[in-house]
Protein backbone atom coordinates (compact mmCIF):
# COMPACT_ATOMS: atom_id res chain seq x y z
CA LYS A 1 60.66 -83.30 -150.96
CA ILE A 2 62.35 -86.30 -149.69
CA ALA A 3 63.16 -87.33 -153.19
CA GLY A 4 64.31 -83.64 -154.17
CA ASP A 5 66.79 -83.75 -151.33
CA VAL A 6 68.16 -86.91 -151.91
CA PRO A 7 70.16 -87.28 -155.23
CA GLY A 8 69.52 -90.14 -157.44
CA ARG A 9 66.55 -91.41 -155.55
CA THR A 10 63.15 -91.77 -156.85
CA LYS A 11 60.19 -90.51 -154.82
CA ASN A 12 58.97 -94.03 -154.30
CA GLU A 13 62.45 -95.41 -153.27
CA CYS A 14 62.32 -92.40 -150.55
CA VAL A 15 58.82 -92.97 -149.39
CA ALA A 16 59.69 -96.70 -149.31
CA ARG A 17 63.03 -95.92 -147.41
CA PHE A 18 61.33 -93.36 -145.08
CA LYS A 19 58.46 -96.04 -144.27
CA TRP A 20 61.09 -98.50 -143.39
CA ILE A 21 62.99 -96.10 -141.24
CA ARG A 22 59.55 -95.03 -139.67
CA GLU A 23 58.66 -98.73 -139.00
CA HIS A 24 61.88 -99.48 -137.33
CA VAL A 25 61.87 -96.31 -135.20
CA ILE A 26 58.44 -97.38 -134.04
CA ALA A 27 59.34 -100.96 -133.54
CA ALA A 28 62.51 -99.80 -131.49
CA ASN A 29 60.39 -97.50 -129.67
CA GLU A 30 57.75 -100.17 -129.02
CA GLN A 31 60.63 -102.46 -127.95
CA GLU A 32 62.00 -99.76 -125.70
CA THR A 33 58.84 -99.19 -124.21
CA GLN A 34 58.18 -102.94 -123.75
CA LYS A 35 61.55 -103.19 -122.19
CA ARG A 36 61.01 -100.04 -119.92
CA GLU A 37 57.42 -101.44 -118.89
CA ARG A 38 59.02 -104.98 -118.20
CA GLU A 39 61.68 -103.40 -116.15
CA GLU A 40 59.28 -100.94 -114.36
CA LYS A 41 57.08 -104.40 -113.78
CA GLU A 42 60.04 -106.18 -112.59
CA GLU A 43 61.13 -103.32 -110.25
CA GLU A 44 57.57 -103.05 -109.07
CA GLU A 45 57.44 -106.92 -108.55
CA LYS A 46 60.72 -106.64 -106.70
CA ARG A 47 59.56 -103.64 -104.45
CA ARG A 48 56.41 -105.72 -103.67
CA GLN A 49 58.24 -108.85 -102.84
CA GLU A 50 60.74 -106.67 -100.66
CA GLN A 51 57.72 -105.00 -99.21
CA GLN A 52 56.20 -108.52 -98.47
CA ALA A 53 59.39 -109.66 -96.94
CA ARG A 54 59.61 -106.68 -94.85
CA GLN A 55 55.94 -107.21 -93.78
CA GLU A 56 56.66 -110.85 -93.02
CA LEU A 57 59.63 -109.87 -91.14
CA GLU A 58 57.70 -107.36 -89.03
CA LYS A 59 54.85 -109.85 -88.67
CA ARG A 60 57.29 -112.43 -87.13
CA GLU A 61 59.04 -109.69 -84.96
CA LYS A 62 55.58 -108.55 -83.65
CA GLU A 63 54.81 -112.29 -83.03
CA LYS A 64 58.11 -112.61 -81.03
CA GLU A 65 57.58 -109.54 -79.22
CA GLU A 66 53.92 -110.46 -78.42
CA LYS A 67 55.28 -113.98 -77.29
CA ARG A 68 57.94 -112.30 -75.13
CA ARG A 69 55.27 -109.86 -73.69
CA GLN A 70 53.01 -112.71 -72.62
CA GLU A 71 55.95 -114.53 -71.21
CA ARG A 72 56.70 -111.71 -69.25
CA GLU A 73 52.99 -111.18 -68.11
CA LYS A 74 52.80 -114.64 -67.26
CA LYS A 75 56.04 -114.35 -65.18
CA ASP A 76 54.76 -111.30 -63.55
CA GLN A 77 51.40 -112.85 -62.77
CA GLU A 78 53.08 -116.05 -61.09
CA LYS A 79 55.63 -113.62 -59.39
CA ALA A 80 52.55 -111.52 -58.13
CA ARG A 81 50.78 -114.72 -57.22
CA LEU A 82 53.81 -116.18 -55.41
CA ASP A 83 54.22 -112.68 -53.41
CA LEU A 84 50.56 -112.52 -52.58
CA GLU A 85 50.91 -116.18 -51.14
CA LYS A 86 53.84 -115.30 -49.31
CA GLN A 87 52.29 -112.16 -47.94
CA GLU A 88 49.15 -114.24 -46.94
CA GLN A 89 51.17 -116.86 -45.18
CA GLU A 90 53.15 -114.06 -43.40
CA GLU A 91 49.91 -112.55 -42.35
CA LEU A 92 48.76 -115.86 -41.17
CA ARG A 93 52.14 -116.67 -39.44
CA HIS A 94 51.93 -113.11 -37.50
CA ALA A 95 48.17 -113.62 -36.70
CA ARG A 96 49.12 -117.02 -35.44
CA VAL A 97 52.08 -115.83 -33.40
CA LYS A 98 49.52 -112.98 -32.07
CA ALA A 99 47.12 -115.51 -31.36
CA GLU A 100 49.60 -117.67 -29.51
CA GLU A 101 50.98 -114.84 -27.51
CA LYS A 102 47.54 -113.72 -26.52
CA SER A 103 46.85 -117.07 -25.53
CA HIS A 104 50.18 -117.27 -23.75
CA LEU A 105 49.25 -114.29 -21.83
CA ALA A 106 45.97 -115.28 -21.21
CA GLU A 107 47.26 -118.68 -19.53
CA GLU A 108 49.96 -116.70 -17.83
CA SER A 109 47.71 -114.33 -16.33
CA ALA A 110 45.24 -117.09 -15.22
CA ARG A 111 48.18 -119.06 -13.63
CA GLN A 112 49.42 -116.08 -12.14
CA ALA A 113 45.64 -115.46 -10.71
CA ALA A 114 45.37 -118.84 -9.57
CA VAL A 115 48.88 -118.73 -7.74
CA HIS A 116 47.85 -115.40 -6.13
CA ALA A 117 44.85 -116.82 -5.11
CA GLN A 118 46.27 -119.90 -3.44
CA ARG A 119 48.87 -117.92 -1.70
CA LEU A 120 46.06 -116.25 0.35
CA SER A 121 45.27 -119.63 1.77
CA ARG A 122 48.57 -120.91 2.92
CA ASP A 123 48.57 -119.38 6.44
CA ARG A 124 45.81 -121.96 7.29
CA PRO A 125 46.82 -124.21 10.15
CA LEU A 126 46.66 -127.96 9.27
CA HIS A 127 45.33 -130.52 11.48
CA ALA A 128 47.69 -133.51 12.68
CA ASP A 129 46.13 -135.83 10.29
CA GLU A 130 46.59 -133.68 7.28
CA LEU A 131 50.08 -133.11 8.13
CA GLN A 132 50.70 -136.82 8.71
CA THR A 133 49.15 -137.54 5.11
CA ASN A 134 51.67 -134.88 3.64
CA LYS A 135 54.44 -136.60 5.32
CA GLN A 136 53.64 -140.02 4.13
CA THR A 137 53.05 -138.66 0.39
CA GLN A 138 56.65 -136.89 0.54
CA GLU A 139 58.21 -140.18 1.65
CA ASP A 140 56.51 -142.07 -1.08
CA GLU A 141 57.39 -139.42 -3.61
CA LEU A 142 60.95 -139.36 -2.65
CA LEU A 143 61.30 -143.06 -2.96
CA ALA A 144 59.64 -142.79 -6.50
CA LEU A 145 62.12 -140.29 -7.49
CA GLU A 146 65.05 -142.01 -6.18
CA ALA A 147 64.19 -145.05 -8.16
CA ILE A 148 63.59 -142.95 -11.16
CA PHE A 149 66.63 -140.89 -11.02
CA PRO A 150 69.32 -143.29 -9.06
CA ASP A 151 72.30 -141.34 -10.32
CA GLN A 152 70.88 -137.84 -9.84
CA LEU A 153 69.02 -137.74 -6.84
CA GLU A 154 70.42 -137.69 -3.24
CA ILE A 155 67.89 -137.42 -0.30
CA VAL A 156 69.01 -135.56 2.89
CA THR A 157 67.81 -136.38 6.25
CA GLN A 158 65.16 -134.09 7.43
CA ASP A 159 66.16 -130.89 8.97
CA GLU A 160 65.26 -129.40 12.38
CA ALA A 161 62.22 -127.82 10.86
CA ASP A 162 60.95 -131.31 10.02
CA GLU A 163 61.52 -130.38 6.37
CA ALA A 164 62.46 -133.20 3.87
CA MET A 165 65.33 -132.31 1.48
CA PHE A 166 67.15 -133.55 -1.34
CA HIS A 167 69.72 -132.56 -4.08
CA PHE A 168 69.16 -133.23 -7.76
CA ILE A 169 71.85 -133.02 -10.17
CA LEU A 170 70.64 -131.30 -13.53
CA GLY A 171 73.77 -131.44 -15.65
CA ARG A 172 77.04 -129.80 -16.51
CA SER A 173 77.13 -126.14 -17.48
CA THR A 174 80.30 -123.87 -17.93
CA GLU A 175 79.98 -122.93 -14.18
CA GLY A 176 80.28 -126.50 -13.23
CA SER A 177 77.90 -129.23 -11.88
CA CYS A 178 74.42 -127.50 -11.97
CA ARG A 179 72.16 -128.90 -9.33
CA VAL A 180 69.05 -127.99 -7.23
CA GLN A 181 68.29 -128.26 -3.59
CA VAL A 182 64.56 -128.96 -3.03
CA LYS A 183 62.96 -128.49 0.55
CA LEU A 184 59.48 -130.09 1.17
CA PRO A 185 57.66 -128.21 3.90
CA PRO A 186 55.35 -129.78 6.13
CA LYS A 187 52.29 -128.23 4.35
CA TYR A 188 53.53 -129.98 0.96
CA PRO A 189 51.82 -131.04 -1.04
CA SER A 190 48.21 -129.97 0.42
CA LEU A 191 49.01 -126.08 1.00
CA CYS A 192 52.57 -124.92 0.45
CA PRO A 193 54.68 -125.42 -2.70
CA PRO A 194 58.46 -126.74 -2.37
CA GLU A 195 61.40 -124.42 -2.06
CA ALA A 196 64.30 -124.70 -4.44
CA THR A 197 67.59 -123.34 -4.50
CA PHE A 198 70.15 -123.66 -7.65
CA CYS A 199 73.56 -124.07 -7.45
CA ASN A 200 75.90 -123.47 -10.75
CA LEU A 201 72.93 -122.51 -12.74
CA PRO A 202 73.92 -121.21 -16.37
CA SER A 203 74.09 -117.51 -16.32
CA SER A 204 71.56 -117.58 -19.43
CA CYS A 205 68.75 -119.02 -17.15
CA ASP A 206 66.46 -116.90 -15.45
CA GLU A 207 66.23 -118.29 -11.73
CA GLU A 208 63.19 -116.22 -10.74
CA GLN A 209 61.29 -117.57 -13.71
CA LEU A 210 62.29 -121.08 -12.85
CA LEU A 211 61.22 -120.49 -9.39
CA LYS A 212 57.69 -118.94 -10.51
CA ASP A 213 57.25 -122.19 -12.81
CA LEU A 214 57.67 -124.37 -9.82
CA GLU A 215 55.06 -122.47 -7.92
CA ALA A 216 52.69 -122.45 -11.02
CA CYS A 217 53.42 -126.24 -11.34
CA PHE A 218 52.45 -126.82 -7.63
CA VAL A 219 49.11 -124.86 -7.74
CA GLU A 220 48.30 -126.69 -10.89
CA HIS A 221 48.92 -130.06 -9.09
CA ILE A 222 47.98 -128.75 -5.57
CA GLY A 223 47.05 -131.72 -3.22
CA GLU A 224 49.08 -134.21 -5.74
CA VAL A 225 52.87 -134.96 -6.20
CA MET A 226 54.54 -132.98 -8.74
CA LEU A 227 58.09 -132.88 -8.42
CA TYR A 228 58.86 -135.60 -11.14
CA GLU A 229 56.88 -133.61 -13.80
CA TRP A 230 58.77 -130.13 -12.72
CA LEU A 231 62.26 -131.90 -12.77
CA ASP A 232 61.46 -133.52 -16.12
CA LYS A 233 60.17 -130.47 -17.48
CA LEU A 234 63.42 -128.45 -16.03
CA GLN A 235 65.84 -130.69 -17.49
CA ARG A 236 64.25 -131.01 -20.87
CA GLN A 237 64.15 -127.10 -20.90
CA LEU A 238 67.73 -126.61 -19.77
CA HIS A 239 68.97 -129.22 -22.40
CA ASP A 240 67.00 -128.05 -25.27
CA ASP A 241 68.06 -124.39 -24.85
CA GLY A 242 71.69 -125.25 -24.87
CA SER A 243 72.15 -124.22 -21.30
CA LEU A 244 73.31 -127.62 -20.18
CA GLN A 245 76.06 -129.85 -21.92
CA PRO A 246 74.71 -133.19 -23.32
C-alpha cells in the first residue's frame, strides 16, 4: 500500500523508509518521555528541596518560638518569685510592725498602770529622816547635773515651799530659746516626781506627752535619781525629730 501510494518507490524502500521514520518517531518519543520524566524528577526534587527548606525554616522558627517561650516563662517565674518574696517580706514587716505596736501598747499599758498605782501612794506623809535623805539626794543630783551641763543648767535658790528648782536650756526652736523649768518637791525622789514647765516649746511637740514621759521615767526609777536620763532622752528626742536646731 505504501509502495502503491509513493510513485517511483519500491515496496522494500517504502518499508525501510517507514521503519526508519517509525524508529525516529519512537526515539523522539522516548527522548521526549525521558526529558519529561527528567523534568518531572527535577521538579519533584525542587519541590522536595523547597519543602525541606520550608520544614527546616519552620523548625528553626519553632525552636526560636520555644526559646522565647521558655525565656518568657523563666522571666515570669522569676517575677513571680520576686513578687512572692516581696509579699512575704511585706507580710513579715506588717507582722513585725503589729507585734511592735502590740508590745508598745502592752508596755505603755503596764507603764500607765504602774504610774496610776504609784500615784495612789503619794499622799503618804514622810518622816523627817526620809525628807532629809531626799533633800541630800536632790543636792547631790543637782551638783552632778551642773557639772555635766555647765552651759545649759542654772540652779535656782529654793522657793518658799522648800522646793529646789533649776532651768535647763534644751536648744533653739523657731519660737526662740527652748528651755524647761524643773521643780523638785520635798518628796522627790522617794515618793513624788519632779514638776516641769516648758518655755518656747516647738509647736510640733506634745507637751502633755512629754510630762507623761517624765512621770513614767520617775516611776521606773522611784527612789533613785533620774533627771539626767530624762533630760538626755528629751534633748535627743527633740533634736532627732527636727524640733530643735542643731
